Amino acid sequence: MSEETTPEAPQKPVLQVLSGNPDDSQVAALTVLFAGLASAAAASADTVERDRNRWGSLEERLQRPATYNPSAFQNVSFY
């Protein structure tokens, strides 16, 4: 039996050096740093609960505004 192997798709580079001439240890240190930051951000994104933004919801437009004004009828003059 022959096993067919599919070539792996090339992955995008993690870092791209635009200027300078870093050695392998410097590139490895940056790669570890960014990988750690990415995993920490992914872990914290799962645990953080945020309030739902309900700005401009349809339900708010359908409700009557609840205004309370204790001095609303103090300036009424009776004839």
N, C-alpha and C. Protein backbone atom coordinates (compact mmCIF):
# COMPACT_ATOMS: atom_id res chain seq x y z
N MET A 1 0.83 -1.17 0.00
CA MET A 1 0.00 0.00 0.00
C MET A 1 0.88 1.24 0.00
N SER A 2 0.51 2.18 -0.80
CA SER A 2 1.27 3.42 -0.83
C SER A 2 0.49 4.50 -0.11
N GLU A 3 1.19 5.24 0.68
CA GLU A 3 0.55 6.34 1.41
C GLU A 3 0.81 7.64 0.67
N GLU A 4 -0.26 8.34 0.43
CA GLU A 4 -0.12 9.62 -0.24
C GLU A 4 0.12 10.70 0.81
N THR A 5 1.13 11.45 0.62
CA THR A 5 1.41 12.55 1.54
C THR A 5 1.09 13.85 0.83
N THR A 6 0.35 14.68 1.52
CA THR A 6 0.02 15.99 0.95
C THR A 6 1.02 17.00 1.48
N PRO A 7 1.54 17.81 0.62
CA PRO A 7 2.48 18.82 1.09
C PRO A 7 1.75 19.84 1.96
N GLU A 8 2.42 20.25 3.04
CA GLU A 8 1.81 21.23 3.93
C GLU A 8 1.83 22.61 3.28
N ALA A 9 0.79 23.33 3.53
CA ALA A 9 0.70 24.69 2.99
C ALA A 9 1.71 25.58 3.71
N PRO A 10 2.38 26.43 2.99
CA PRO A 10 3.35 27.30 3.66
C PRO A 10 2.63 28.26 4.60
N GLN A 11 3.19 28.44 5.78
CA GLN A 11 2.60 29.32 6.78
C GLN A 11 3.16 30.72 6.63
N LYS A 12 2.37 31.67 7.07
CA LYS A 12 2.84 33.06 7.03
C LYS A 12 3.95 33.23 8.07
N PRO A 13 4.91 34.07 7.81
CA PRO A 13 5.97 34.28 8.79
C PRO A 13 5.42 35.00 10.03
N VAL A 14 5.94 34.63 11.19
CA VAL A 14 5.51 35.25 12.43
C VAL A 14 6.06 36.66 12.53
N LEU A 15 7.33 36.82 12.20
CA LEU A 15 7.98 38.13 12.23
C LEU A 15 8.63 38.41 10.89
N GLN A 16 8.75 39.67 10.58
CA GLN A 16 9.45 40.07 9.38
C GLN A 16 10.38 41.22 9.76
N VAL A 17 11.66 41.04 9.52
CA VAL A 17 12.65 42.06 9.85
C VAL A 17 12.71 43.04 8.70
N LEU A 18 12.40 44.30 9.01
CA LEU A 18 12.38 45.32 7.97
C LEU A 18 13.71 46.04 7.86
N SER A 19 14.40 46.19 8.96
CA SER A 19 15.70 46.84 8.89
C SER A 19 16.58 46.28 10.01
N GLY A 20 17.86 46.43 9.84
CA GLY A 20 18.79 45.90 10.82
C GLY A 20 19.22 44.49 10.47
N ASN A 21 20.04 43.94 11.33
CA ASN A 21 20.55 42.60 11.08
C ASN A 21 20.55 41.82 12.40
N PRO A 22 19.36 41.36 12.87
CA PRO A 22 19.33 40.62 14.13
C PRO A 22 19.88 39.21 13.93
N ASP A 23 20.49 38.69 15.00
CA ASP A 23 20.96 37.31 14.92
C ASP A 23 19.82 36.37 15.33
N ASP A 24 20.08 35.08 15.27
CA ASP A 24 19.03 34.09 15.51
C ASP A 24 18.49 34.16 16.93
N SER A 25 19.32 34.44 17.91
CA SER A 25 18.85 34.49 19.30
C SER A 25 17.92 35.68 19.53
N GLN A 26 18.16 36.79 18.87
CA GLN A 26 17.29 37.96 19.01
C GLN A 26 15.93 37.70 18.36
N VAL A 27 15.93 37.06 17.22
CA VAL A 27 14.66 36.74 16.56
C VAL A 27 13.89 35.71 17.39
N ALA A 28 14.60 34.74 17.97
CA ALA A 28 13.94 33.75 18.81
C ALA A 28 13.34 34.40 20.06
N ALA A 29 14.05 35.35 20.66
CA ALA A 29 13.54 36.03 21.84
C ALA A 29 12.27 36.82 21.51
N LEU A 30 12.26 37.50 20.39
CA LEU A 30 11.06 38.24 19.98
C LEU A 30 9.90 37.30 19.67
N THR A 31 10.19 36.18 19.06
CA THR A 31 9.15 35.20 18.74
C THR A 31 8.52 34.66 20.01
N VAL A 32 9.34 34.33 21.01
CA VAL A 32 8.82 33.83 22.28
C VAL A 32 7.99 34.90 22.97
N LEU A 33 8.46 36.14 22.92
CA LEU A 33 7.74 37.24 23.55
C LEU A 33 6.36 37.43 22.93
N PHE A 34 6.30 37.50 21.61
CA PHE A 34 5.02 37.71 20.94
C PHE A 34 4.09 36.51 21.07
N ALA A 35 4.64 35.31 21.08
CA ALA A 35 3.80 34.12 21.27
C ALA A 35 3.21 34.11 22.67
N GLY A 36 3.99 34.51 23.67
CA GLY A 36 3.47 34.59 25.03
C GLY A 36 2.40 35.64 25.18
N LEU A 37 2.60 36.79 24.58
CA LEU A 37 1.58 37.85 24.63
C LEU A 37 0.29 37.42 23.93
N ALA A 38 0.42 36.72 22.81
CA ALA A 38 -0.76 36.28 22.08
C ALA A 38 -1.54 35.23 22.88
N SER A 39 -0.83 34.31 23.53
CA SER A 39 -1.54 33.29 24.31
C SER A 39 -2.17 33.90 25.55
N ALA A 40 -1.52 34.88 26.17
CA ALA A 40 -2.10 35.54 27.34
C ALA A 40 -3.34 36.34 26.95
N ALA A 41 -3.30 36.98 25.80
CA ALA A 41 -4.47 37.74 25.33
C ALA A 41 -5.63 36.81 24.99
N ALA A 42 -5.32 35.66 24.41
CA ALA A 42 -6.39 34.70 24.08
C ALA A 42 -7.00 34.11 25.35
N ALA A 43 -6.18 33.87 26.36
CA ALA A 43 -6.69 33.31 27.62
C ALA A 43 -7.54 34.34 28.36
N SER A 44 -7.12 35.59 28.35
CA SER A 44 -7.89 36.61 29.07
C SER A 44 -9.16 36.99 28.33
N ALA A 45 -9.19 36.83 27.03
CA ALA A 45 -10.39 37.16 26.27
C ALA A 45 -11.52 36.19 26.59
N ASP A 46 -11.19 34.97 26.95
CA ASP A 46 -12.22 34.00 27.28
C ASP A 46 -12.83 34.25 28.65
N THR A 47 -12.07 34.83 29.57
CA THR A 47 -12.55 34.97 30.94
C THR A 47 -13.16 36.33 31.23
N VAL A 48 -12.92 37.32 30.40
CA VAL A 48 -13.42 38.67 30.67
C VAL A 48 -14.86 38.77 30.19
N GLU A 49 -15.74 39.20 31.11
CA GLU A 49 -17.13 39.43 30.73
C GLU A 49 -17.34 40.92 30.63
N ARG A 50 -17.91 41.35 29.56
CA ARG A 50 -18.16 42.77 29.35
C ARG A 50 -19.65 43.01 29.28
N ASP A 51 -20.05 44.22 29.68
CA ASP A 51 -21.45 44.59 29.58
C ASP A 51 -21.84 44.70 28.12
N ARG A 52 -23.02 44.28 27.84
CA ARG A 52 -23.50 44.34 26.46
C ARG A 52 -23.87 45.77 26.12
N ASN A 53 -23.42 46.24 25.00
CA ASN A 53 -23.70 47.59 24.56
C ASN A 53 -25.08 47.60 23.91
N ARG A 54 -26.02 48.27 24.56
CA ARG A 54 -27.39 48.29 24.05
C ARG A 54 -27.74 49.67 23.50
N TRP A 55 -26.74 50.42 23.06
CA TRP A 55 -27.01 51.74 22.52
C TRP A 55 -27.78 51.61 21.22
N GLY A 56 -28.86 52.35 21.12
CA GLY A 56 -29.65 52.36 19.90
C GLY A 56 -30.52 51.14 19.71
N SER A 57 -30.85 50.43 20.78
CA SER A 57 -31.68 49.23 20.61
C SER A 57 -33.13 49.64 20.33
N LEU A 58 -33.84 48.81 19.64
CA LEU A 58 -35.22 49.07 19.28
C LEU A 58 -36.12 49.12 20.51
N GLU A 59 -35.82 48.29 21.49
CA GLU A 59 -36.64 48.25 22.70
C GLU A 59 -36.62 49.59 23.43
N GLU A 60 -35.51 50.28 23.40
CA GLU A 60 -35.42 51.56 24.07
C GLU A 60 -36.29 52.61 23.39
N ARG A 61 -36.42 52.54 22.11
CA ARG A 61 -37.24 53.50 21.39
C ARG A 61 -38.73 53.27 21.62
N LEU A 62 -39.12 52.05 21.95
CA LEU A 62 -40.53 51.73 22.13
C LEU A 62 -41.03 52.04 23.54
N GLN A 63 -40.14 52.28 24.49
CA GLN A 63 -40.55 52.55 25.85
C GLN A 63 -40.78 54.05 26.04
N ARG A 64 -41.75 54.38 26.90
CA ARG A 64 -41.99 55.78 27.21
C ARG A 64 -40.90 56.25 28.15
N PRO A 65 -40.46 57.47 27.98
CA PRO A 65 -39.43 57.98 28.89
C PRO A 65 -39.99 58.18 30.29
N ALA A 66 -39.26 57.71 31.26
CA ALA A 66 -39.67 57.85 32.66
C ALA A 66 -38.98 59.09 33.22
N THR A 67 -39.69 60.21 33.19
CA THR A 67 -39.11 61.43 33.71
C THR A 67 -39.77 61.75 35.04
N TYR A 68 -39.01 62.16 35.97
CA TYR A 68 -39.51 62.54 37.28
C TYR A 68 -39.05 63.96 37.55
N ASN A 69 -40.00 64.84 37.73
CA ASN A 69 -39.68 66.21 38.00
C ASN A 69 -40.54 66.67 39.18
N PRO A 70 -39.96 66.79 40.37
CA PRO A 70 -40.77 67.15 41.54
C PRO A 70 -41.32 68.57 41.48
N SER A 71 -40.75 69.43 40.70
CA SER A 71 -41.24 70.81 40.62
C SER A 71 -42.00 71.08 39.33
N ALA A 72 -42.62 70.06 38.77
CA ALA A 72 -43.27 70.21 37.48
C ALA A 72 -44.48 71.12 37.55
N PHE A 73 -45.28 71.07 38.63
CA PHE A 73 -46.51 71.84 38.69
C PHE A 73 -46.43 72.97 39.71
N GLN A 74 -45.28 73.36 40.14
CA GLN A 74 -45.19 74.46 41.08
C GLN A 74 -45.37 75.81 40.40
N ASN A 75 -45.11 75.91 39.13
CA ASN A 75 -45.22 77.18 38.43
C ASN A 75 -46.56 77.35 37.71
N VAL A 76 -47.53 76.54 38.06
CA VAL A 76 -48.84 76.63 37.42
C VAL A 76 -49.63 77.76 38.07
N SER A 77 -50.20 78.61 37.25
CA SER A 77 -51.05 79.67 37.80
C SER A 77 -52.51 79.38 37.42
N PHE A 78 -53.37 79.46 38.41
CA PHE A 78 -54.77 79.17 38.16
C PHE A 78 -55.52 80.50 37.99
N TYR A 79 -56.40 80.60 37.01
CA TYR A 79 -57.16 81.83 36.74
C TYR A 79 -58.51 81.73 37.31
